[in-house]
Amino acid sequence: MHSDIARRTVDEYILQGRVTINGISISEPGFKVNPAKDKVSVDGVPVKVSTKKIYIILYKPEGVISSVSDEKHRKTVVDLINIRDRIFPVGRLDYDTTGLMLLTNDGDFANKLMHPKFRVNKTYIVSISRPLEERHKVKLENGIRIEGRKTSPAKISFPKRNDFTNVSITIHEGRNRQVRNMFEHYGYFVRKLHRSTYGKLDLSGLKPGGWRFLTAVEVKSLITD
């Protein structure tokens, strides 16, 4: 008798010593299972490991870790999503950064989005400590050298008229702390950072901490544009 079972549940059973894969007892969680080939049994009964692909958009609030778990026991983005399936974030946002994040269990999808050649645009709203000077705006848009590598061209604008301390910047790279490092390179302290768009996706209809599943059309738009 076969039954569906989530991967997270499999890990729980593994810790209890109840799981065999291809007849061999498994004792450590995280063992990679190929649902197409491997035969998984719990207490000797064959089970079917869930293979459904999951794609989620999340409005990450401030003070949440962009990871699956945290050694300091701080809340993670996965904690905000009440599903049993194992998922992971695509890239990351800093602890105090808010905004749009994607989570999935599809490794190929995540790798495509994070690969530089796909050039998926991401827009951030940045609150900086003093008005952005035109000369610095031009240099940031053309690309500057950070940690020995030049950043790709960026697009910068000002969402509010005559307000040059709140800046919109669009980039397609995803280097660690890139937006903060770009502005801090010229002495601008980043007070707040918010990712407002990812490709064609935005946070319409979501509040901080809120999430929803992506539609098939939305998933396709991210990896085919």
N, C-alpha and C. Protein backbone atom coordinates (compact mmCIF):
# COMPACT_ATOMS: atom_id res chain seq x y z
N MET A 1 0.86 -1.21 0.00
CA MET A 1 0.00 0.00 0.00
C MET A 1 0.88 1.24 0.00
N HIS A 2 0.67 2.11 -0.99
CA HIS A 2 1.47 3.32 -1.10
C HIS A 2 0.70 4.51 -0.52
N SER A 3 1.44 5.43 0.03
CA SER A 3 0.82 6.67 0.52
C SER A 3 1.77 7.81 0.27
N ASP A 4 1.24 9.04 0.11
CA ASP A 4 2.07 10.21 -0.08
C ASP A 4 2.68 10.63 1.25
N ILE A 5 3.93 11.08 1.19
CA ILE A 5 4.59 11.51 2.43
C ILE A 5 5.54 12.65 2.11
N ALA A 6 5.47 13.71 2.87
CA ALA A 6 6.33 14.88 2.66
C ALA A 6 7.76 14.57 3.07
N ARG A 7 8.72 15.24 2.41
CA ARG A 7 10.12 14.97 2.70
C ARG A 7 10.46 15.31 4.15
N ARG A 8 9.85 16.37 4.66
CA ARG A 8 10.13 16.74 6.05
C ARG A 8 9.70 15.63 7.00
N THR A 9 8.56 14.97 6.70
CA THR A 9 8.10 13.86 7.52
C THR A 9 9.07 12.69 7.43
N VAL A 10 9.61 12.45 6.23
CA VAL A 10 10.61 11.39 6.06
C VAL A 10 11.78 11.61 7.00
N ASP A 11 12.25 12.85 7.10
CA ASP A 11 13.38 13.16 7.98
C ASP A 11 13.05 12.84 9.44
N GLU A 12 11.82 13.12 9.83
CA GLU A 12 11.41 12.82 11.21
C GLU A 12 11.46 11.32 11.46
N TYR A 13 10.99 10.55 10.49
CA TYR A 13 11.00 9.09 10.62
C TYR A 13 12.42 8.54 10.60
N ILE A 14 13.30 9.18 9.83
CA ILE A 14 14.70 8.75 9.78
C ILE A 14 15.32 8.82 11.16
N LEU A 15 15.07 9.92 11.86
CA LEU A 15 15.61 10.08 13.22
C LEU A 15 15.10 8.99 14.16
N GLN A 16 13.92 8.50 13.87
CA GLN A 16 13.34 7.44 14.70
C GLN A 16 13.78 6.05 14.26
N GLY A 17 14.63 5.97 13.21
CA GLY A 17 15.15 4.70 12.74
C GLY A 17 14.13 3.84 12.03
N ARG A 18 13.12 4.48 11.44
CA ARG A 18 12.02 3.72 10.84
C ARG A 18 12.08 3.64 9.31
N VAL A 19 13.11 4.27 8.71
CA VAL A 19 13.14 4.40 7.26
C VAL A 19 14.23 3.54 6.62
N THR A 20 13.87 2.89 5.51
CA THR A 20 14.86 2.22 4.67
C THR A 20 14.74 2.78 3.26
N ILE A 21 15.87 2.88 2.58
CA ILE A 21 15.90 3.30 1.18
C ILE A 21 16.58 2.20 0.39
N ASN A 22 15.85 1.62 -0.53
CA ASN A 22 16.33 0.48 -1.31
C ASN A 22 16.78 -0.65 -0.39
N GLY A 23 16.04 -0.82 0.72
CA GLY A 23 16.31 -1.91 1.64
C GLY A 23 17.39 -1.65 2.67
N ILE A 24 18.01 -0.46 2.60
CA ILE A 24 19.09 -0.11 3.53
C ILE A 24 18.59 0.90 4.55
N SER A 25 18.83 0.62 5.82
CA SER A 25 18.38 1.51 6.89
C SER A 25 19.15 2.83 6.86
N ILE A 26 18.45 3.94 6.97
CA ILE A 26 19.05 5.27 6.94
C ILE A 26 18.95 5.88 8.33
N SER A 27 20.05 6.51 8.78
CA SER A 27 20.06 7.04 10.14
C SER A 27 20.24 8.55 10.22
N GLU A 28 20.56 9.20 9.09
CA GLU A 28 20.81 10.65 9.13
C GLU A 28 19.84 11.39 8.21
N PRO A 29 19.17 12.43 8.75
CA PRO A 29 18.29 13.25 7.91
C PRO A 29 19.08 13.96 6.82
N GLY A 30 18.40 14.36 5.76
CA GLY A 30 19.07 15.08 4.69
C GLY A 30 19.54 14.16 3.58
N PHE A 31 19.35 12.85 3.73
CA PHE A 31 19.72 11.89 2.70
C PHE A 31 18.92 12.19 1.44
N LYS A 32 19.63 12.32 0.30
CA LYS A 32 18.96 12.69 -0.94
C LYS A 32 18.27 11.47 -1.56
N VAL A 33 17.00 11.66 -1.83
CA VAL A 33 16.20 10.59 -2.42
C VAL A 33 15.83 10.96 -3.85
N ASN A 34 16.02 10.02 -4.76
CA ASN A 34 15.55 10.20 -6.13
C ASN A 34 14.20 9.50 -6.26
N PRO A 35 13.10 10.26 -6.24
CA PRO A 35 11.77 9.64 -6.23
C PRO A 35 11.52 8.72 -7.43
N ALA A 36 12.25 8.97 -8.53
CA ALA A 36 12.03 8.18 -9.73
C ALA A 36 12.68 6.80 -9.64
N LYS A 37 13.69 6.67 -8.78
CA LYS A 37 14.45 5.42 -8.72
C LYS A 37 14.43 4.75 -7.35
N ASP A 38 14.52 5.55 -6.29
CA ASP A 38 14.68 4.98 -4.95
C ASP A 38 13.35 4.48 -4.39
N LYS A 39 13.43 3.36 -3.68
CA LYS A 39 12.26 2.79 -3.02
C LYS A 39 12.36 3.08 -1.52
N VAL A 40 11.46 3.91 -1.04
CA VAL A 40 11.47 4.34 0.36
C VAL A 40 10.39 3.57 1.12
N SER A 41 10.77 3.04 2.29
CA SER A 41 9.81 2.34 3.13
C SER A 41 9.87 2.87 4.55
N VAL A 42 8.73 2.95 5.20
CA VAL A 42 8.63 3.31 6.61
C VAL A 42 7.99 2.15 7.34
N ASP A 43 8.69 1.64 8.33
CA ASP A 43 8.22 0.46 9.06
C ASP A 43 7.92 -0.70 8.11
N GLY A 44 8.71 -0.79 7.03
CA GLY A 44 8.55 -1.87 6.08
C GLY A 44 7.48 -1.66 5.04
N VAL A 45 6.75 -0.55 5.15
CA VAL A 45 5.66 -0.26 4.20
C VAL A 45 6.14 0.74 3.16
N PRO A 46 6.07 0.43 1.85
CA PRO A 46 6.51 1.36 0.81
C PRO A 46 5.71 2.66 0.86
N VAL A 47 6.41 3.77 0.68
CA VAL A 47 5.74 5.07 0.63
C VAL A 47 6.19 5.81 -0.61
N LYS A 48 5.40 6.77 -0.97
CA LYS A 48 5.69 7.60 -2.13
C LYS A 48 6.10 8.98 -1.65
N VAL A 49 7.33 9.38 -1.97
CA VAL A 49 7.82 10.70 -1.55
C VAL A 49 7.23 11.77 -2.47
N SER A 50 6.71 12.82 -1.86
CA SER A 50 6.10 13.90 -2.63
C SER A 50 7.12 14.57 -3.55
N THR A 51 6.76 14.72 -4.83
CA THR A 51 7.67 15.36 -5.78
C THR A 51 7.08 16.64 -6.36
N LYS A 52 6.00 17.14 -5.81
CA LYS A 52 5.38 18.34 -6.35
C LYS A 52 6.32 19.53 -6.20
N LYS A 53 6.35 20.34 -7.23
CA LYS A 53 7.19 21.53 -7.23
C LYS A 53 6.44 22.68 -6.55
N ILE A 54 7.14 23.40 -5.69
CA ILE A 54 6.52 24.47 -4.90
C ILE A 54 7.25 25.78 -5.19
N TYR A 55 6.46 26.83 -5.46
CA TYR A 55 7.03 28.15 -5.73
C TYR A 55 6.22 29.17 -4.93
N ILE A 56 6.90 29.91 -4.07
CA ILE A 56 6.23 30.82 -3.14
C ILE A 56 6.84 32.21 -3.20
N ILE A 57 5.98 33.21 -3.12
CA ILE A 57 6.43 34.60 -2.96
C ILE A 57 6.10 35.02 -1.53
N LEU A 58 7.06 35.64 -0.88
CA LEU A 58 6.93 36.05 0.52
C LEU A 58 7.28 37.52 0.68
N TYR A 59 6.51 38.20 1.52
CA TYR A 59 6.86 39.57 1.92
C TYR A 59 7.66 39.44 3.22
N LYS A 60 8.99 39.46 3.10
CA LYS A 60 9.84 39.29 4.27
C LYS A 60 9.78 40.53 5.16
N PRO A 61 9.43 40.33 6.44
CA PRO A 61 9.46 41.47 7.37
C PRO A 61 10.87 41.68 7.93
N GLU A 62 11.05 42.77 8.64
CA GLU A 62 12.33 43.06 9.28
C GLU A 62 12.56 42.08 10.43
N GLY A 63 13.82 41.74 10.68
CA GLY A 63 14.14 40.89 11.82
C GLY A 63 13.88 39.42 11.61
N VAL A 64 14.02 38.96 10.36
CA VAL A 64 13.83 37.56 10.02
C VAL A 64 15.03 37.10 9.20
N ILE A 65 15.51 35.88 9.48
CA ILE A 65 16.68 35.34 8.81
C ILE A 65 16.29 34.68 7.49
N SER A 66 17.07 34.95 6.44
CA SER A 66 16.80 34.35 5.12
C SER A 66 17.48 32.99 4.98
N SER A 67 17.04 32.05 5.79
CA SER A 67 17.62 30.71 5.72
C SER A 67 16.58 29.70 6.18
N VAL A 68 16.95 28.43 6.10
CA VAL A 68 16.05 27.36 6.50
C VAL A 68 16.03 27.21 8.02
N SER A 69 17.20 27.41 8.65
CA SER A 69 17.30 27.31 10.11
C SER A 69 18.33 28.31 10.61
N ASP A 70 18.37 28.53 11.92
CA ASP A 70 19.30 29.50 12.49
C ASP A 70 19.82 28.98 13.82
N GLU A 71 21.14 28.95 13.96
CA GLU A 71 21.75 28.40 15.17
C GLU A 71 21.45 29.24 16.40
N LYS A 72 21.08 30.50 16.19
CA LYS A 72 20.72 31.36 17.31
C LYS A 72 19.22 31.31 17.61
N HIS A 73 18.52 30.45 16.90
CA HIS A 73 17.08 30.23 17.11
C HIS A 73 16.25 31.48 16.81
N ARG A 74 16.74 32.30 15.87
CA ARG A 74 15.93 33.43 15.42
C ARG A 74 14.94 32.95 14.36
N LYS A 75 13.87 33.71 14.19
CA LYS A 75 12.84 33.32 13.23
C LYS A 75 13.41 33.38 11.81
N THR A 76 13.08 32.37 11.00
CA THR A 76 13.54 32.32 9.62
C THR A 76 12.36 32.49 8.67
N VAL A 77 12.68 32.73 7.40
CA VAL A 77 11.62 32.90 6.41
C VAL A 77 10.81 31.61 6.26
N VAL A 78 11.44 30.46 6.46
CA VAL A 78 10.71 29.19 6.37
C VAL A 78 9.70 29.07 7.51
N ASP A 79 10.04 29.62 8.68
CA ASP A 79 9.11 29.59 9.81
C ASP A 79 7.81 30.34 9.51
N LEU A 80 7.88 31.31 8.61
CA LEU A 80 6.70 32.12 8.30
C LEU A 80 5.70 31.39 7.40
N ILE A 81 6.15 30.30 6.78
CA ILE A 81 5.32 29.61 5.80
C ILE A 81 4.85 28.28 6.36
N ASN A 82 3.58 28.16 6.60
CA ASN A 82 3.04 27.00 7.32
C ASN A 82 2.65 25.86 6.38
N ILE A 83 3.67 25.29 5.73
CA ILE A 83 3.46 24.09 4.94
C ILE A 83 4.44 23.03 5.43
N ARG A 84 4.11 21.77 5.18
CA ARG A 84 4.93 20.68 5.68
C ARG A 84 6.11 20.37 4.78
N ASP A 85 6.01 20.75 3.51
CA ASP A 85 7.06 20.41 2.56
C ASP A 85 8.34 21.19 2.82
N ARG A 86 9.46 20.58 2.50
CA ARG A 86 10.75 21.24 2.67
C ARG A 86 10.97 22.23 1.53
N ILE A 87 11.22 23.47 1.88
CA ILE A 87 11.50 24.52 0.90
C ILE A 87 12.71 25.31 1.36
N PHE A 88 13.25 26.11 0.47
CA PHE A 88 14.41 26.94 0.81
C PHE A 88 14.32 28.26 0.05
N PRO A 89 14.96 29.31 0.58
CA PRO A 89 14.90 30.61 -0.10
C PRO A 89 15.80 30.67 -1.32
N VAL A 90 15.36 31.42 -2.32
CA VAL A 90 16.17 31.68 -3.50
C VAL A 90 16.97 32.95 -3.21
N GLY A 91 18.26 32.80 -2.94
CA GLY A 91 19.05 33.95 -2.53
C GLY A 91 18.70 34.35 -1.10
N ARG A 92 19.03 35.59 -0.76
CA ARG A 92 18.75 36.02 0.61
C ARG A 92 18.58 37.54 0.68
N LEU A 93 17.95 37.97 1.75
CA LEU A 93 17.90 39.37 2.13
C LEU A 93 18.47 39.47 3.54
N ASP A 94 19.14 40.56 3.86
CA ASP A 94 19.73 40.73 5.18
C ASP A 94 18.65 40.71 6.27
N TYR A 95 19.08 40.48 7.48
CA TYR A 95 18.20 40.39 8.65
C TYR A 95 17.25 41.58 8.75
N ASP A 96 17.77 42.79 8.52
CA ASP A 96 16.95 44.00 8.66
C ASP A 96 16.35 44.48 7.34
N THR A 97 16.61 43.78 6.25
CA THR A 97 16.05 44.15 4.96
C THR A 97 14.67 43.53 4.79
N THR A 98 13.76 44.28 4.22
CA THR A 98 12.39 43.80 4.00
C THR A 98 12.14 43.58 2.51
N GLY A 99 11.01 42.93 2.23
CA GLY A 99 10.58 42.87 0.85
C GLY A 99 10.44 41.50 0.25
N LEU A 100 10.45 41.47 -1.08
CA LEU A 100 10.08 40.30 -1.85
C LEU A 100 11.15 39.22 -1.84
N MET A 101 10.74 38.02 -1.43
CA MET A 101 11.61 36.86 -1.50
C MET A 101 10.85 35.71 -2.16
N LEU A 102 11.62 34.83 -2.79
CA LEU A 102 11.06 33.63 -3.38
C LEU A 102 11.57 32.41 -2.63
N LEU A 103 10.71 31.42 -2.45
CA LEU A 103 11.10 30.16 -1.83
C LEU A 103 10.59 29.02 -2.70
N THR A 104 11.31 27.91 -2.71
CA THR A 104 10.96 26.80 -3.58
C THR A 104 11.57 25.51 -3.07
N ASN A 105 11.20 24.41 -3.70
CA ASN A 105 11.90 23.14 -3.49
C ASN A 105 12.52 22.66 -4.80
N ASP A 106 12.53 23.55 -5.79
CA ASP A 106 13.02 23.25 -7.13
C ASP A 106 14.43 23.83 -7.29
N GLY A 107 15.43 22.97 -7.17
CA GLY A 107 16.81 23.43 -7.23
C GLY A 107 17.19 24.00 -8.59
N ASP A 108 16.68 23.42 -9.67
CA ASP A 108 17.00 23.93 -11.01
C ASP A 108 16.45 25.34 -11.19
N PHE A 109 15.24 25.56 -10.72
CA PHE A 109 14.60 26.88 -10.79
C PHE A 109 15.43 27.91 -10.03
N ALA A 110 15.83 27.56 -8.81
CA ALA A 110 16.62 28.47 -7.98
C ALA A 110 17.96 28.79 -8.63
N ASN A 111 18.62 27.79 -9.18
CA ASN A 111 19.92 28.01 -9.81
C ASN A 111 19.82 28.91 -11.02
N LYS A 112 18.75 28.76 -11.79
CA LYS A 112 18.56 29.62 -12.96
C LYS A 112 18.39 31.07 -12.53
N LEU A 113 17.57 31.29 -11.50
CA LEU A 113 17.32 32.67 -11.06
C LEU A 113 18.58 33.33 -10.52
N MET A 114 19.44 32.54 -9.88
CA MET A 114 20.63 33.12 -9.27
C MET A 114 21.83 33.18 -10.21
N HIS A 115 21.72 32.56 -11.39
CA HIS A 115 22.83 32.57 -12.33
C HIS A 115 22.88 33.92 -13.05
N PRO A 116 24.06 34.55 -13.10
CA PRO A 116 24.18 35.89 -13.69
C PRO A 116 23.66 36.00 -15.12
N LYS A 117 23.77 34.92 -15.90
CA LYS A 117 23.40 35.03 -17.32
C LYS A 117 21.91 35.26 -17.53
N PHE A 118 21.07 34.95 -16.53
CA PHE A 118 19.63 35.13 -16.69
C PHE A 118 19.21 36.58 -16.46
N ARG A 119 20.03 37.35 -15.78
CA ARG A 119 19.80 38.80 -15.63
C ARG A 119 18.37 39.16 -15.22
N VAL A 120 17.91 38.53 -14.14
CA VAL A 120 16.58 38.86 -13.62
C VAL A 120 16.68 40.15 -12.81
N ASN A 121 15.95 41.18 -13.23
CA ASN A 121 16.01 42.47 -12.56
C ASN A 121 15.33 42.42 -11.19
N LYS A 122 15.96 43.08 -10.23
CA LYS A 122 15.40 43.22 -8.89
C LYS A 122 15.48 44.69 -8.51
N THR A 123 14.39 45.24 -8.01
CA THR A 123 14.35 46.66 -7.65
C THR A 123 14.29 46.81 -6.14
N TYR A 124 15.09 47.74 -5.63
CA TYR A 124 15.16 48.01 -4.19
C TYR A 124 14.85 49.48 -3.94
N ILE A 125 14.14 49.73 -2.85
CA ILE A 125 13.93 51.09 -2.38
C ILE A 125 14.89 51.30 -1.21
N VAL A 126 15.74 52.30 -1.33
CA VAL A 126 16.81 52.50 -0.37
C VAL A 126 16.67 53.87 0.29
N SER A 127 16.65 53.88 1.61
CA SER A 127 16.67 55.13 2.37
C SER A 127 18.09 55.38 2.82
N ILE A 128 18.69 56.48 2.36
CA ILE A 128 20.09 56.76 2.67
C ILE A 128 20.22 58.00 3.55
N SER A 129 21.39 58.15 4.15
CA SER A 129 21.60 59.14 5.20
C SER A 129 21.68 60.57 4.71
N ARG A 130 21.95 60.78 3.44
CA ARG A 130 22.01 62.14 2.88
C ARG A 130 21.63 62.08 1.41
N PRO A 131 21.27 63.22 0.82
CA PRO A 131 20.84 63.21 -0.58
C PRO A 131 21.91 62.64 -1.51
N LEU A 132 21.47 61.83 -2.45
CA LEU A 132 22.40 61.23 -3.41
C LEU A 132 22.85 62.28 -4.42
N GLU A 133 24.15 62.46 -4.51
CA GLU A 133 24.70 63.44 -5.45
C GLU A 133 24.66 62.88 -6.87
N GLU A 134 24.45 63.78 -7.85
CA GLU A 134 24.33 63.37 -9.24
C GLU A 134 25.59 62.63 -9.72
N ARG A 135 26.77 63.09 -9.30
CA ARG A 135 28.02 62.46 -9.75
C ARG A 135 28.11 61.02 -9.24
N HIS A 136 27.62 60.79 -8.04
CA HIS A 136 27.64 59.43 -7.50
C HIS A 136 26.56 58.57 -8.17
N LYS A 137 25.43 59.17 -8.46
CA LYS A 137 24.36 58.45 -9.16
C LYS A 137 24.87 57.92 -10.50
N VAL A 138 25.55 58.77 -11.24
CA VAL A 138 26.07 58.38 -12.55
C VAL A 138 27.08 57.24 -12.43
N LYS A 139 27.96 57.34 -11.46
CA LYS A 139 28.97 56.29 -11.27
C LYS A 139 28.34 54.97 -10.86
N LEU A 140 27.37 55.03 -9.96
CA LEU A 140 26.69 53.81 -9.54
C LEU A 140 25.94 53.16 -10.69
N GLU A 141 25.34 53.98 -11.55
CA GLU A 141 24.61 53.44 -12.70
C GLU A 141 25.55 52.79 -13.71
N ASN A 142 26.73 53.34 -13.85
CA ASN A 142 27.69 52.82 -14.83
C ASN A 142 28.45 51.60 -14.30
N GLY A 143 28.48 51.44 -12.98
CA GLY A 143 29.20 50.32 -12.38
C GLY A 143 30.46 50.79 -11.66
N ILE A 144 30.65 50.29 -10.45
CA ILE A 144 31.84 50.62 -9.67
C ILE A 144 32.51 49.33 -9.21
N ARG A 145 33.77 49.44 -8.82
CA ARG A 145 34.49 48.26 -8.37
C ARG A 145 34.27 48.05 -6.87
N ILE A 146 33.77 46.88 -6.53
CA ILE A 146 33.57 46.48 -5.14
C ILE A 146 34.24 45.13 -4.94
N GLU A 147 35.14 45.08 -3.98
CA GLU A 147 35.86 43.84 -3.68
C GLU A 147 36.51 43.26 -4.93
N GLY A 148 37.10 44.16 -5.72
CA GLY A 148 37.87 43.72 -6.89
C GLY A 148 37.07 43.43 -8.14
N ARG A 149 35.73 43.56 -8.09
CA ARG A 149 34.89 43.29 -9.25
C ARG A 149 33.97 44.47 -9.53
N LYS A 150 33.81 44.79 -10.80
CA LYS A 150 32.94 45.89 -11.18
C LYS A 150 31.49 45.43 -11.20
N THR A 151 30.61 46.24 -10.64
CA THR A 151 29.19 45.92 -10.66
C THR A 151 28.63 46.18 -12.06
N SER A 152 27.60 45.44 -12.41
CA SER A 152 26.95 45.65 -13.70
C SER A 152 26.16 46.96 -13.67
N PRO A 153 25.83 47.49 -14.83
CA PRO A 153 25.06 48.73 -14.88
C PRO A 153 23.77 48.63 -14.08
N ALA A 154 23.40 49.73 -13.43
CA ALA A 154 22.19 49.79 -12.60
C ALA A 154 21.32 50.95 -13.09
N LYS A 155 20.05 50.91 -12.71
CA LYS A 155 19.14 52.00 -13.02
C LYS A 155 18.69 52.63 -11.72
N ILE A 156 18.88 53.94 -11.59
CA ILE A 156 18.55 54.64 -10.34
C ILE A 156 17.55 55.77 -10.63
N SER A 157 16.54 55.88 -9.77
CA SER A 157 15.57 56.96 -9.88
C SER A 157 15.12 57.38 -8.49
N PHE A 158 14.32 58.43 -8.45
CA PHE A 158 13.84 58.95 -7.17
C PHE A 158 12.30 58.88 -7.16
N PRO A 159 11.73 57.96 -6.38
CA PRO A 159 10.27 57.77 -6.37
C PRO A 159 9.49 59.00 -5.95
N LYS A 160 10.08 59.80 -5.05
CA LYS A 160 9.38 60.99 -4.55
C LYS A 160 10.06 62.25 -5.09
N ARG A 161 9.26 63.14 -5.59
CA ARG A 161 9.77 64.38 -6.18
C ARG A 161 10.53 65.20 -5.14
N ASN A 162 11.70 65.67 -5.53
CA ASN A 162 12.56 66.50 -4.67
C ASN A 162 13.01 65.80 -3.39
N ASP A 163 12.95 64.47 -3.39
CA ASP A 163 13.45 63.70 -2.25
C ASP A 163 14.59 62.82 -2.77
N PHE A 164 15.81 63.20 -2.45
CA PHE A 164 16.97 62.48 -2.98
C PHE A 164 17.62 61.58 -1.94
N THR A 165 16.90 61.34 -0.84
CA THR A 165 17.39 60.40 0.17
C THR A 165 16.66 59.06 0.09
N ASN A 166 15.57 59.01 -0.69
CA ASN A 166 14.88 57.76 -0.94
C ASN A 166 15.07 57.41 -2.41
N VAL A 167 15.78 56.34 -2.65
CA VAL A 167 16.27 56.01 -3.98
C VAL A 167 15.74 54.65 -4.42
N SER A 168 15.36 54.57 -5.70
CA SER A 168 15.01 53.28 -6.30
C SER A 168 16.17 52.83 -7.17
N ILE A 169 16.65 51.61 -6.95
CA ILE A 169 17.76 51.09 -7.74
C ILE A 169 17.40 49.70 -8.25
N THR A 170 17.62 49.49 -9.55
CA THR A 170 17.34 48.20 -10.17
C THR A 170 18.64 47.57 -10.65
N ILE A 171 18.89 46.34 -10.21
CA ILE A 171 20.08 45.59 -10.60
C ILE A 171 19.66 44.17 -10.95
N HIS A 172 20.54 43.44 -11.64
CA HIS A 172 20.23 42.03 -11.91
C HIS A 172 21.21 41.10 -11.21
N GLU A 173 22.21 41.67 -10.56
CA GLU A 173 23.16 40.85 -9.82
C GLU A 173 22.61 40.51 -8.43
N GLY A 174 23.27 39.58 -7.76
CA GLY A 174 22.83 39.21 -6.42
C GLY A 174 24.00 38.99 -5.48
N ARG A 175 25.02 39.82 -5.60
CA ARG A 175 26.18 39.68 -4.74
C ARG A 175 25.83 40.04 -3.30
N ASN A 176 26.52 39.46 -2.36
CA ASN A 176 26.24 39.65 -0.93
C ASN A 176 26.29 41.12 -0.54
N ARG A 177 25.20 41.61 0.04
CA ARG A 177 25.10 42.99 0.52
C ARG A 177 25.44 44.01 -0.58
N GLN A 178 25.13 43.67 -1.82
CA GLN A 178 25.57 44.51 -2.93
C GLN A 178 25.03 45.93 -2.88
N VAL A 179 23.72 46.09 -2.68
CA VAL A 179 23.14 47.44 -2.70
C VAL A 179 23.72 48.28 -1.57
N ARG A 180 23.80 47.70 -0.38
CA ARG A 180 24.40 48.44 0.75
C ARG A 180 25.83 48.83 0.43
N ASN A 181 26.60 47.91 -0.11
CA ASN A 181 28.01 48.19 -0.40
C ASN A 181 28.17 49.26 -1.47
N MET A 182 27.27 49.28 -2.43
CA MET A 182 27.35 50.28 -3.50
C MET A 182 27.19 51.69 -2.94
N PHE A 183 26.20 51.90 -2.09
CA PHE A 183 25.98 53.23 -1.53
C PHE A 183 27.03 53.58 -0.47
N GLU A 184 27.41 52.60 0.32
CA GLU A 184 28.40 52.87 1.37
C GLU A 184 29.78 53.15 0.78
N HIS A 185 30.00 52.72 -0.45
CA HIS A 185 31.26 53.00 -1.15
C HIS A 185 31.49 54.51 -1.24
N TYR A 186 30.41 55.27 -1.35
CA TYR A 186 30.51 56.73 -1.44
C TYR A 186 30.07 57.42 -0.14
N GLY A 187 30.02 56.68 0.95
CA GLY A 187 29.77 57.29 2.24
C GLY A 187 28.32 57.51 2.60
N TYR A 188 27.41 56.84 1.90
CA TYR A 188 25.99 56.95 2.23
C TYR A 188 25.61 55.79 3.14
N PHE A 189 25.14 56.11 4.34
CA PHE A 189 24.70 55.07 5.26
C PHE A 189 23.28 54.64 4.87
N VAL A 190 23.08 53.35 4.71
CA VAL A 190 21.76 52.83 4.32
C VAL A 190 20.92 52.66 5.58
N ARG A 191 19.88 53.47 5.70
CA ARG A 191 18.99 53.42 6.87
C ARG A 191 17.97 52.29 6.73
N LYS A 192 17.40 52.15 5.55
CA LYS A 192 16.42 51.10 5.30
C LYS A 192 16.61 50.57 3.89
N LEU A 193 16.31 49.27 3.73
CA LEU A 193 16.44 48.64 2.42
C LEU A 193 15.26 47.71 2.21
N HIS A 194 14.61 47.87 1.06
CA HIS A 194 13.38 47.11 0.78
C HIS A 194 13.40 46.65 -0.67
N ARG A 195 13.23 45.33 -0.90
CA ARG A 195 13.13 44.83 -2.28
C ARG A 195 11.67 44.87 -2.70
N SER A 196 11.39 45.67 -3.72
CA SER A 196 10.00 45.88 -4.13
C SER A 196 9.57 44.99 -5.30
N THR A 197 10.49 44.62 -6.16
CA THR A 197 10.14 43.76 -7.29
C THR A 197 11.21 42.72 -7.54
N TYR A 198 10.80 41.62 -8.17
CA TYR A 198 11.72 40.56 -8.59
C TYR A 198 11.21 40.11 -9.96
N GLY A 199 11.94 40.44 -11.02
CA GLY A 199 11.41 40.22 -12.36
C GLY A 199 10.13 41.02 -12.52
N LYS A 200 9.06 40.36 -12.95
CA LYS A 200 7.76 41.04 -13.12
C LYS A 200 6.90 40.96 -11.86
N LEU A 201 7.41 40.33 -10.82
CA LEU A 201 6.63 40.14 -9.59
C LEU A 201 6.76 41.34 -8.67
N ASP A 202 5.67 41.67 -7.98
CA ASP A 202 5.73 42.67 -6.91
C ASP A 202 4.93 42.14 -5.72
N LEU A 203 4.80 42.95 -4.71
CA LEU A 203 4.19 42.51 -3.45
C LEU A 203 2.71 42.88 -3.33
N SER A 204 2.08 43.15 -4.44
CA SER A 204 0.66 43.53 -4.42
C SER A 204 -0.17 42.48 -3.68
N GLY A 205 -0.97 42.94 -2.73
CA GLY A 205 -1.86 42.05 -2.00
C GLY A 205 -1.23 41.36 -0.80
N LEU A 206 0.04 41.59 -0.57
CA LEU A 206 0.72 40.95 0.56
C LEU A 206 1.13 41.98 1.61
N LYS A 207 1.01 41.59 2.87
CA LYS A 207 1.47 42.39 3.98
C LYS A 207 2.75 41.76 4.54
N PRO A 208 3.55 42.47 5.33
CA PRO A 208 4.75 41.87 5.90
C PRO A 208 4.45 40.54 6.59
N GLY A 209 5.21 39.51 6.23
CA GLY A 209 4.98 38.18 6.77
C GLY A 209 4.03 37.35 5.94
N GLY A 210 3.33 37.98 4.99
CA GLY A 210 2.37 37.27 4.15
C GLY A 210 3.04 36.58 2.97
N TRP A 211 2.37 35.55 2.44
CA TRP A 211 2.93 34.80 1.32
C TRP A 211 1.79 34.17 0.52
N ARG A 212 2.14 33.70 -0.68
CA ARG A 212 1.20 32.96 -1.51
C ARG A 212 2.00 32.11 -2.50
N PHE A 213 1.32 31.13 -3.10
CA PHE A 213 1.94 30.33 -4.14
C PHE A 213 1.95 31.12 -5.44
N LEU A 214 3.02 30.97 -6.22
CA LEU A 214 3.08 31.58 -7.53
C LEU A 214 2.22 30.79 -8.51
N THR A 215 1.69 31.47 -9.50
CA THR A 215 0.97 30.79 -10.57
C THR A 215 1.99 30.23 -11.57
N ALA A 216 1.55 29.32 -12.40
CA ALA A 216 2.42 28.74 -13.43
C ALA A 216 2.93 29.83 -14.37
N VAL A 217 2.08 30.79 -14.68
CA VAL A 217 2.49 31.89 -15.57
C VAL A 217 3.59 32.73 -14.92
N GLU A 218 3.46 32.98 -13.62
CA GLU A 218 4.47 33.77 -12.91
C GLU A 218 5.81 33.04 -12.85
N VAL A 219 5.75 31.74 -12.61
CA VAL A 219 6.99 30.95 -12.57
C VAL A 219 7.67 31.01 -13.94
N LYS A 220 6.90 30.83 -14.99
CA LYS A 220 7.47 30.83 -16.33
C LYS A 220 8.06 32.19 -16.68
N SER A 221 7.42 33.26 -16.22
CA SER A 221 7.89 34.62 -16.55
C SER A 221 9.27 34.88 -15.96
N LEU A 222 9.57 34.23 -14.84
CA LEU A 222 10.85 34.47 -14.17
C LEU A 222 12.02 33.82 -14.90
N ILE A 223 11.78 32.71 -15.57
CA ILE A 223 12.90 31.97 -16.15
C ILE A 223 12.92 31.98 -17.68
N THR A 224 11.99 32.72 -18.28
CA THR A 224 11.98 32.77 -19.75
C THR A 224 12.19 34.17 -20.30
N ASP A 225 12.10 35.20 -19.45
CA ASP A 225 12.29 36.58 -19.95
C ASP A 225 13.75 36.83 -20.27
